[in-house]
Amino acid sequence: MFILDIVTAESVSGFFSNQVSDILFKYIGQSFQNTISAFIWPVYVIELDEVWGAGILVALFVLFPRFLKEPLERLLFGAAEAAEVKPTDADS
């Protein structure tokens, strides 16, 4: 396909502009697809089994803030930034 694009291009600038526009539109399309998938992932969990899927979602909703949020913040943002984000007792 890349070779076909080179052969059918009218000029070097035309070739590069076509490649840039193709990459741009593919990126936008994939970004849109990823956004939709991020919003509807609970549907996939519930489709596995309605009762177990709903139970898993409720368990994740309860367990994530209690057990996983702080370790993930430390892993992603570092210990210093995670400590800055969490308010201390003196701030209250």
PDB file of N, CA and C in Angstrom:
ATOM      1  N   MET A   1       0.822  -1.185   0.000  1.00  0.00           N
ATOM      2  CA  MET A   1       0.000   0.000   0.000  1.00  0.00           C
ATOM      3  C   MET A   1       0.873   1.258   0.000  1.00  0.00           C
ATOM      4  N   PHE A   2       1.949   1.195   0.767  1.00  0.00           N
ATOM      5  CA  PHE A   2       2.870   2.328   0.821  1.00  0.00           C
ATOM      6  C   PHE A   2       3.516   2.546  -0.548  1.00  0.00           C
ATOM      7  N   ILE A   3       3.906   1.466  -1.196  1.00  0.00           N
ATOM      8  CA  ILE A   3       4.510   1.546  -2.533  1.00  0.00           C
ATOM      9  C   ILE A   3       3.502   2.111  -3.528  1.00  0.00           C
ATOM     10  N   LEU A   4       2.261   1.689  -3.420  1.00  0.00           N
ATOM     11  CA  LEU A   4       1.212   2.203  -4.304  1.00  0.00           C
ATOM     12  C   LEU A   4       1.029   3.701  -4.101  1.00  0.00           C
ATOM     13  N   ASP A   5       1.102   4.159  -2.860  1.00  0.00           N
ATOM     14  CA  ASP A   5       1.001   5.597  -2.584  1.00  0.00           C
ATOM     15  C   ASP A   5       2.164   6.358  -3.215  1.00  0.00           C
ATOM     16  N   ILE A   6       3.354   5.794  -3.166  1.00  0.00           N
ATOM     17  CA  ILE A   6       4.512   6.444  -3.774  1.00  0.00           C
ATOM     18  C   ILE A   6       4.349   6.528  -5.285  1.00  0.00           C
ATOM     19  N   VAL A   7       3.907   5.439  -5.903  1.00  0.00           N
ATOM     20  CA  VAL A   7       3.763   5.392  -7.358  1.00  0.00           C
ATOM     21  C   VAL A   7       2.668   6.349  -7.838  1.00  0.00           C
ATOM     22  N   THR A   8       1.568   6.428  -7.106  1.00  0.00           N
ATOM     23  CA  THR A   8       0.438   7.249  -7.558  1.00  0.00           C
ATOM     24  C   THR A   8       0.537   8.710  -7.136  1.00  0.00           C
ATOM     25  N   ALA A   9       1.534   9.074  -6.333  1.00  0.00           N
ATOM     26  CA  ALA A   9       1.674  10.465  -5.883  1.00  0.00           C
ATOM     27  C   ALA A   9       2.086  11.344  -7.059  1.00  0.00           C
ATOM     28  N   GLU A  10       1.507  12.539  -7.113  1.00  0.00           N
ATOM     29  CA  GLU A  10       1.822  13.474  -8.192  1.00  0.00           C
ATOM     30  C   GLU A  10       3.120  14.229  -7.910  1.00  0.00           C
ATOM     31  N   SER A  11       3.424  14.431  -6.623  1.00  0.00           N
ATOM     32  CA  SER A  11       4.652  15.130  -6.256  1.00  0.00           C
ATOM     33  C   SER A  11       5.086  14.666  -4.871  1.00  0.00           C
ATOM     34  N   VAL A  12       6.273  15.063  -4.474  1.00  0.00           N
ATOM     35  CA  VAL A  12       6.782  14.694  -3.154  1.00  0.00           C
ATOM     36  C   VAL A  12       5.933  15.349  -2.071  1.00  0.00           C
ATOM     37  N   SER A  13       5.622  16.619  -2.255  1.00  0.00           N
ATOM     38  CA  SER A  13       4.794  17.303  -1.251  1.00  0.00           C
ATOM     39  C   SER A  13       3.384  16.718  -1.202  1.00  0.00           C
ATOM     40  N   GLY A  14       2.859  16.310  -2.344  1.00  0.00           N
ATOM     41  CA  GLY A  14       1.546  15.664  -2.364  1.00  0.00           C
ATOM     42  C   GLY A  14       1.564  14.336  -1.626  1.00  0.00           C
ATOM     43  N   PHE A  15       2.649  13.588  -1.804  1.00  0.00           N
ATOM     44  CA  PHE A  15       2.794  12.315  -1.099  1.00  0.00           C
ATOM     45  C   PHE A  15       2.814  12.524   0.407  1.00  0.00           C
ATOM     46  N   PHE A  16       3.636  13.471   0.864  1.00  0.00           N
ATOM     47  CA  PHE A  16       3.740  13.714   2.295  1.00  0.00           C
ATOM     48  C   PHE A  16       2.450  14.288   2.878  1.00  0.00           C
ATOM     49  N   SER A  17       1.777  15.142   2.140  1.00  0.00           N
ATOM     50  CA  SER A  17       0.515  15.686   2.661  1.00  0.00           C
ATOM     51  C   SER A  17      -0.546  14.598   2.761  1.00  0.00           C
ATOM     52  N   ASN A  18      -0.554  13.663   1.800  1.00  0.00           N
ATOM     53  CA  ASN A  18      -1.495  12.534   1.892  1.00  0.00           C
ATOM     54  C   ASN A  18      -1.167  11.641   3.082  1.00  0.00           C
ATOM     55  N   GLN A  19       0.124  11.394   3.309  1.00  0.00           N
ATOM     56  CA  GLN A  19       0.523  10.554   4.435  1.00  0.00           C
ATOM     57  C   GLN A  19       0.175  11.219   5.766  1.00  0.00           C
ATOM     58  N   VAL A  20       0.408  12.508   5.872  1.00  0.00           N
ATOM     59  CA  VAL A  20       0.100  13.227   7.106  1.00  0.00           C
ATOM     60  C   VAL A  20      -1.405  13.227   7.357  1.00  0.00           C
ATOM     61  N   SER A  21      -2.187  13.477   6.320  1.00  0.00           N
ATOM     62  CA  SER A  21      -3.649  13.481   6.509  1.00  0.00           C
ATOM     63  C   SER A  21      -4.159  12.089   6.864  1.00  0.00           C
ATOM     64  N   ASP A  22      -3.603  11.043   6.255  1.00  0.00           N
ATOM     65  CA  ASP A  22      -4.007   9.673   6.603  1.00  0.00           C
ATOM     66  C   ASP A  22      -3.693   9.366   8.061  1.00  0.00           C
ATOM     67  N   ILE A  23      -2.493   9.727   8.498  1.00  0.00           N
ATOM     68  CA  ILE A  23      -2.095   9.476   9.888  1.00  0.00           C
ATOM     69  C   ILE A  23      -2.987  10.255  10.841  1.00  0.00           C
ATOM     70  N   LEU A  24      -3.268  11.507  10.495  1.00  0.00           N
ATOM     71  CA  LEU A  24      -4.103  12.353  11.340  1.00  0.00           C
ATOM     72  C   LEU A  24      -5.506  11.769  11.487  1.00  0.00           C
ATOM     73  N   PHE A  25      -6.118  11.383  10.374  1.00  0.00           N
ATOM     74  CA  PHE A  25      -7.472  10.833  10.452  1.00  0.00           C
ATOM     75  C   PHE A  25      -7.512   9.476  11.147  1.00  0.00           C
ATOM     76  N   LYS A  26      -6.485   8.653  10.940  1.00  0.00           N
ATOM     77  CA  LYS A  26      -6.423   7.378  11.648  1.00  0.00           C
ATOM     78  C   LYS A  26      -6.269   7.604  13.143  1.00  0.00           C
ATOM     79  N   TYR A  27      -5.446   8.591  13.528  1.00  0.00           N
ATOM     80  CA  TYR A  27      -5.248   8.909  14.939  1.00  0.00           C
ATOM     81  C   TYR A  27      -6.549   9.401  15.564  1.00  0.00           C
ATOM     82  N   ILE A  28      -7.246  10.282  14.880  1.00  0.00           N
ATOM     83  CA  ILE A  28      -8.522  10.794  15.395  1.00  0.00           C
ATOM     84  C   ILE A  28      -9.533   9.666  15.520  1.00  0.00           C
ATOM     85  N   GLY A  29      -9.605   8.804  14.518  1.00  0.00           N
ATOM     86  CA  GLY A  29     -10.535   7.677  14.563  1.00  0.00           C
ATOM     87  C   GLY A  29     -10.232   6.723  15.701  1.00  0.00           C
ATOM     88  N   GLN A  30      -8.966   6.402  15.884  1.00  0.00           N
ATOM     89  CA  GLN A  30      -8.595   5.496  16.966  1.00  0.00           C
ATOM     90  C   GLN A  30      -8.806   6.139  18.322  1.00  0.00           C
ATOM     91  N   SER A  31      -8.557   7.427  18.433  1.00  0.00           N
ATOM     92  CA  SER A  31      -8.801   8.130  19.696  1.00  0.00           C
ATOM     93  C   SER A  31     -10.282   8.109  20.045  1.00  0.00           C
ATOM     94  N   PHE A  32     -11.114   8.337  19.059  1.00  0.00           N
ATOM     95  CA  PHE A  32     -12.559   8.302  19.273  1.00  0.00           C
ATOM     96  C   PHE A  32     -13.013   6.902  19.678  1.00  0.00           C
ATOM     97  N   GLN A  33     -12.486   5.883  19.009  1.00  0.00           N
ATOM     98  CA  GLN A  33     -12.818   4.499  19.326  1.00  0.00           C
ATOM     99  C   GLN A  33     -12.374   4.145  20.748  1.00  0.00           C
ATOM    100  N   ASN A  34     -11.191   4.569  21.157  1.00  0.00           N
ATOM    101  CA  ASN A  34     -10.698   4.303  22.507  1.00  0.00           C
ATOM    102  C   ASN A  34     -11.539   5.012  23.558  1.00  0.00           C
ATOM    103  N   THR A  35     -11.987   6.225  23.256  1.00  0.00           N
ATOM    104  CA  THR A  35     -12.843   6.955  24.190  1.00  0.00           C
ATOM    105  C   THR A  35     -14.156   6.228  24.409  1.00  0.00           C
ATOM    106  N   ILE A  36     -14.758   5.769  23.339  1.00  0.00           N
ATOM    107  CA  ILE A  36     -16.017   5.028  23.459  1.00  0.00           C
ATOM    108  C   ILE A  36     -15.803   3.732  24.231  1.00  0.00           C
ATOM    109  N   SER A  37     -14.725   3.016  23.932  1.00  0.00           N
ATOM    110  CA  SER A  37     -14.436   1.768  24.655  1.00  0.00           C
ATOM    111  C   SER A  37     -14.205   2.019  26.138  1.00  0.00           C
ATOM    112  N   ALA A  38     -13.579   3.135  26.477  1.00  0.00           N
ATOM    113  CA  ALA A  38     -13.334   3.448  27.880  1.00  0.00           C
ATOM    114  C   ALA A  38     -14.633   3.708  28.628  1.00  0.00           C
ATOM    115  N   PHE A  39     -15.622   4.253  27.955  1.00  0.00           N
ATOM    116  CA  PHE A  39     -16.892   4.524  28.615  1.00  0.00           C
ATOM    117  C   PHE A  39     -17.795   3.297  28.711  1.00  0.00           C
ATOM    118  N   ILE A  40     -17.656   2.354  27.783  1.00  0.00           N
ATOM    119  CA  ILE A  40     -18.600   1.232  27.777  1.00  0.00           C
ATOM    120  C   ILE A  40     -17.996  -0.075  28.282  1.00  0.00           C
ATOM    121  N   TRP A  41     -16.789  -0.047  28.877  1.00  0.00           N
ATOM    122  CA  TRP A  41     -16.209  -1.299  29.361  1.00  0.00           C
ATOM    123  C   TRP A  41     -17.080  -1.987  30.403  1.00  0.00           C
ATOM    124  N   PRO A  42     -17.841  -1.281  31.251  1.00  0.00           N
ATOM    125  CA  PRO A  42     -18.701  -2.012  32.190  1.00  0.00           C
ATOM    126  C   PRO A  42     -19.749  -2.883  31.495  1.00  0.00           C
ATOM    127  N   VAL A  43     -20.160  -2.485  30.313  1.00  0.00           N
ATOM    128  CA  VAL A  43     -21.130  -3.290  29.566  1.00  0.00           C
ATOM    129  C   VAL A  43     -20.535  -4.644  29.229  1.00  0.00           C
ATOM    130  N   TYR A  44     -19.252  -4.666  28.854  1.00  0.00           N
ATOM    131  CA  TYR A  44     -18.595  -5.937  28.539  1.00  0.00           C
ATOM    132  C   TYR A  44     -18.536  -6.848  29.771  1.00  0.00           C
ATOM    133  N   VAL A  45     -18.301  -6.264  30.931  1.00  0.00           N
ATOM    134  CA  VAL A  45     -18.238  -7.055  32.166  1.00  0.00           C
ATOM    135  C   VAL A  45     -19.612  -7.638  32.470  1.00  0.00           C
ATOM    136  N   ILE A  46     -20.658  -6.846  32.331  1.00  0.00           N
ATOM    137  CA  ILE A  46     -22.010  -7.329  32.615  1.00  0.00           C
ATOM    138  C   ILE A  46     -22.454  -8.354  31.578  1.00  0.00           C
ATOM    139  N   GLU A  47     -22.004  -8.233  30.329  1.00  0.00           N
ATOM    140  CA  GLU A  47     -22.367  -9.203  29.292  1.00  0.00           C
ATOM    141  C   GLU A  47     -21.820 -10.598  29.581  1.00  0.00           C
ATOM    142  N   LEU A  48     -20.729 -10.682  30.330  1.00  0.00           N
ATOM    143  CA  LEU A  48     -20.188 -11.998  30.664  1.00  0.00           C
ATOM    144  C   LEU A  48     -21.226 -12.820  31.416  1.00  0.00           C
ATOM    145  N   ASP A  49     -21.808 -12.228  32.425  1.00  0.00           N
ATOM    146  CA  ASP A  49     -22.890 -12.834  33.192  1.00  0.00           C
ATOM    147  C   ASP A  49     -23.523 -11.692  33.973  1.00  0.00           C
ATOM    148  N   GLU A  50     -24.831 -11.546  33.877  1.00  0.00           N
ATOM    149  CA  GLU A  50     -25.486 -10.381  34.465  1.00  0.00           C
ATOM    150  C   GLU A  50     -25.271 -10.285  35.977  1.00  0.00           C
ATOM    151  N   VAL A  51     -25.474 -11.381  36.690  1.00  0.00           N
ATOM    152  CA  VAL A  51     -25.357 -11.344  38.144  1.00  0.00           C
ATOM    153  C   VAL A  51     -23.894 -11.193  38.555  1.00  0.00           C
ATOM    154  N   TRP A  52     -23.013 -12.049  38.024  1.00  0.00           N
ATOM    155  CA  TRP A  52     -21.599 -11.976  38.383  1.00  0.00           C
ATOM    156  C   TRP A  52     -20.974 -10.679  37.876  1.00  0.00           C
ATOM    157  N   GLY A  53     -21.366 -10.234  36.699  1.00  0.00           N
ATOM    158  CA  GLY A  53     -20.827  -8.993  36.154  1.00  0.00           C
ATOM    159  C   GLY A  53     -21.183  -7.795  37.015  1.00  0.00           C
ATOM    160  N   ALA A  54     -22.439  -7.720  37.438  1.00  0.00           N
ATOM    161  CA  ALA A  54     -22.860  -6.628  38.315  1.00  0.00           C
ATOM    162  C   ALA A  54     -22.131  -6.714  39.655  1.00  0.00           C
ATOM    163  N   GLY A  55     -21.959  -7.919  40.163  1.00  0.00           N
ATOM    164  CA  GLY A  55     -21.227  -8.108  41.417  1.00  0.00           C
ATOM    165  C   GLY A  55     -19.777  -7.675  41.298  1.00  0.00           C
ATOM    166  N   ILE A  56     -19.156  -8.001  40.186  1.00  0.00           N
ATOM    167  CA  ILE A  56     -17.761  -7.595  39.966  1.00  0.00           C
ATOM    168  C   ILE A  56     -17.659  -6.079  39.900  1.00  0.00           C
ATOM    169  N   LEU A  57     -18.590  -5.429  39.213  1.00  0.00           N
ATOM    170  CA  LEU A  57     -18.548  -3.968  39.118  1.00  0.00           C
ATOM    171  C   LEU A  57     -18.727  -3.314  40.486  1.00  0.00           C
ATOM    172  N   VAL A  58     -19.657  -3.843  41.287  1.00  0.00           N
ATOM    173  CA  VAL A  58     -19.859  -3.292  42.629  1.00  0.00           C
ATOM    174  C   VAL A  58     -18.607  -3.508  43.474  1.00  0.00           C
ATOM    175  N   ALA A  59     -18.009  -4.695  43.374  1.00  0.00           N
ATOM    176  CA  ALA A  59     -16.787  -4.975  44.136  1.00  0.00           C
ATOM    177  C   ALA A  59     -15.652  -4.036  43.719  1.00  0.00           C
ATOM    178  N   LEU A  60     -15.508  -3.799  42.416  1.00  0.00           N
ATOM    179  CA  LEU A  60     -14.479  -2.877  41.951  1.00  0.00           C
ATOM    180  C   LEU A  60     -14.744  -1.460  42.437  1.00  0.00           C
ATOM    181  N   PHE A  61     -16.006  -1.060  42.443  1.00  0.00           N
ATOM    182  CA  PHE A  61     -16.383   0.275  42.902  1.00  0.00           C
ATOM    183  C   PHE A  61     -16.035   0.468  44.373  1.00  0.00           C
ATOM    184  N   VAL A  62     -16.187  -0.584  45.161  1.00  0.00           N
ATOM    185  CA  VAL A  62     -15.901  -0.495  46.598  1.00  0.00           C
ATOM    186  C   VAL A  62     -14.406  -0.676  46.876  1.00  0.00           C
ATOM    187  N   LEU A  63     -13.761  -1.627  46.204  1.00  0.00           N
ATOM    188  CA  LEU A  63     -12.379  -1.967  46.508  1.00  0.00           C
ATOM    189  C   LEU A  63     -11.357  -0.980  45.945  1.00  0.00           C
ATOM    190  N   PHE A  64     -11.626  -0.388  44.798  1.00  0.00           N
ATOM    191  CA  PHE A  64     -10.638   0.489  44.179  1.00  0.00           C
ATOM    192  C   PHE A  64     -10.252   1.668  45.064  1.00  0.00           C
ATOM    193  N   PRO A  65     -11.198   2.460  45.560  1.00  0.00           N
ATOM    194  CA  PRO A  65     -10.771   3.613  46.374  1.00  0.00           C
ATOM    195  C   PRO A  65     -10.102   3.214  47.690  1.00  0.00           C
ATOM    196  N   ARG A  66     -10.463   2.057  48.230  1.00  0.00           N
ATOM    197  CA  ARG A  66      -9.918   1.661  49.526  1.00  0.00           C
ATOM    198  C   ARG A  66      -8.537   1.035  49.439  1.00  0.00           C
ATOM    199  N   PHE A  67      -8.288   0.231  48.410  1.00  0.00           N
ATOM    200  CA  PHE A  67      -7.056  -0.549  48.380  1.00  0.00           C
ATOM    201  C   PHE A  67      -6.126  -0.242  47.200  1.00  0.00           C
ATOM    202  N   LEU A  68      -6.649   0.202  46.086  1.00  0.00           N
ATOM    203  CA  LEU A  68      -5.815   0.340  44.895  1.00  0.00           C
ATOM    204  C   LEU A  68      -5.442   1.770  44.524  1.00  0.00           C
ATOM    205  N   LYS A  69      -6.224   2.741  44.928  1.00  0.00           N
ATOM    206  CA  LYS A  69      -5.997   4.107  44.479  1.00  0.00           C
ATOM    207  C   LYS A  69      -4.653   4.661  44.957  1.00  0.00           C
ATOM    208  N   GLU A  70      -4.359   4.561  46.243  1.00  0.00           N
ATOM    209  CA  GLU A  70      -3.096   5.103  46.769  1.00  0.00           C
ATOM    210  C   GLU A  70      -1.865   4.428  46.179  1.00  0.00           C
ATOM    211  N   PRO A  71      -1.804   3.080  46.122  1.00  0.00           N
ATOM    212  CA  PRO A  71      -0.616   2.464  45.498  1.00  0.00           C
ATOM    213  C   PRO A  71      -0.450   2.865  44.031  1.00  0.00           C
ATOM    214  N   LEU A  72      -1.547   2.991  43.305  1.00  0.00           N
ATOM    215  CA  LEU A  72      -1.440   3.415  41.918  1.00  0.00           C
ATOM    216  C   LEU A  72      -0.971   4.856  41.797  1.00  0.00           C
ATOM    217  N   GLU A  73      -1.446   5.728  42.686  1.00  0.00           N
ATOM    218  CA  GLU A  73      -0.979   7.115  42.662  1.00  0.00           C
ATOM    219  C   GLU A  73       0.513   7.194  42.965  1.00  0.00           C
ATOM    220  N   ARG A  74       0.966   6.410  43.945  1.00  0.00           N
ATOM    221  CA  ARG A  74       2.397   6.395  44.257  1.00  0.00           C
ATOM    222  C   ARG A  74       3.212   5.863  43.089  1.00  0.00           C
ATOM    223  N   LEU A  75       2.699   4.820  42.437  1.00  0.00           N
ATOM    224  CA  LEU A  75       3.403   4.234  41.301  1.00  0.00           C
ATOM    225  C   LEU A  75       3.466   5.211  40.131  1.00  0.00           C
ATOM    226  N   LEU A  76       2.359   5.875  39.837  1.00  0.00           N
ATOM    227  CA  LEU A  76       2.303   6.746  38.671  1.00  0.00           C
ATOM    228  C   LEU A  76       2.890   8.132  38.908  1.00  0.00           C
ATOM    229  N   PHE A  77       2.677   8.697  40.085  1.00  0.00           N
ATOM    230  CA  PHE A  77       3.059  10.079  40.325  1.00  0.00           C
ATOM    231  C   PHE A  77       4.228  10.236  41.285  1.00  0.00           C
ATOM    232  N   GLY A  78       4.694   9.175  41.854  1.00  0.00           N
ATOM    233  CA  GLY A  78       5.799   9.255  42.795  1.00  0.00           C
ATOM    234  C   GLY A  78       5.299   9.505  44.202  1.00  0.00           C
ATOM    235  N   ALA A  79       6.105   9.150  45.162  1.00  0.00           N
ATOM    236  CA  ALA A  79       5.705   9.266  46.568  1.00  0.00           C
ATOM    237  C   ALA A  79       5.538  10.723  46.981  1.00  0.00           C
ATOM    238  N   ALA A  80       6.381  11.626  46.497  1.00  0.00           N
ATOM    239  CA  ALA A  80       6.306  13.033  46.901  1.00  0.00           C
ATOM    240  C   ALA A  80       5.018  13.678  46.390  1.00  0.00           C
ATOM    241  N   GLU A  81       4.668  13.435  45.137  1.00  0.00           N
ATOM    242  CA  GLU A  81       3.460  14.040  44.582  1.00  0.00           C
ATOM    243  C   GLU A  81       2.210  13.440  45.200  1.00  0.00           C
ATOM    244  N   ALA A  82       2.219  12.156  45.496  1.00  0.00           N
ATOM    245  CA  ALA A  82       1.060  11.523  46.126  1.00  0.00           C
ATOM    246  C   ALA A  82       0.838  12.102  47.518  1.00  0.00           C
ATOM    247  N   ALA A  83       1.926  12.408  48.233  1.00  0.00           N
ATOM    248  CA  ALA A  83       1.801  13.002  49.561  1.00  0.00           C
ATOM    249  C   ALA A  83       1.260  14.422  49.472  1.00  0.00           C
ATOM    250  N   GLU A  84       1.608  15.165  48.430  1.00  0.00           N
ATOM    251  CA  GLU A  84       1.100  16.518  48.252  1.00  0.00           C
ATOM    252  C   GLU A  84      -0.385  16.528  47.952  1.00  0.00           C
ATOM    253  N   VAL A  85      -0.863  15.551  47.203  1.00  0.00           N
ATOM    254  CA  VAL A  85      -2.261  15.485  46.811  1.00  0.00           C
ATOM    255  C   VAL A  85      -3.146  15.158  48.002  1.00  0.00           C
ATOM    256  N   LYS A  86      -2.667  14.276  48.897  1.00  0.00           N
ATOM    257  CA  LYS A  86      -3.465  13.858  50.048  1.00  0.00           C
ATOM    258  C   LYS A  86      -3.400  14.910  51.146  1.00  0.00           C
ATOM    259  N   PRO A  87      -4.558  15.450  51.569  1.00  0.00           N
ATOM    260  CA  PRO A  87      -4.546  16.469  52.624  1.00  0.00           C
ATOM    261  C   PRO A  87      -4.161  15.849  53.968  1.00  0.00           C
ATOM    262  N   THR A  88      -3.474  16.617  54.777  1.00  0.00           N
ATOM    263  CA  THR A  88      -3.070  16.145  56.098  1.00  0.00           C
ATOM    264  C   THR A  88      -4.108  16.569  57.124  1.00  0.00           C
ATOM    265  N   ASP A  89      -3.950  16.070  58.358  1.00  0.00           N
ATOM    266  CA  ASP A  89      -4.887  16.431  59.434  1.00  0.00           C
ATOM    267  C   ASP A  89      -4.763  17.906  59.814  1.00  0.00           C
ATOM    268  N   ALA A  90      -3.572  18.476  59.630  1.00  0.00           N
ATOM    269  CA  ALA A  90      -3.360  19.890  59.970  1.00  0.00           C
ATOM    270  C   ALA A  90      -4.128  20.820  59.026  1.00  0.00           C
ATOM    271  N   ASP A  91      -4.417  20.356  57.793  1.00  0.00           N
ATOM    272  CA  ASP A  91      -5.144  21.168  56.830  1.00  0.00           C
ATOM    273  C   ASP A  91      -6.629  21.272  57.155  1.00  0.00           C
ATOM    274  N   SER A  92      -7.157  20.342  57.925  1.00  0.00           N
ATOM    275  CA  SER A  92      -8.587  20.310  58.195  1.00  0.00           C
ATOM    276  C   SER A  92      -9.015  21.381  59.154  1.00  0.00           C
TER     277      SER A  92
END
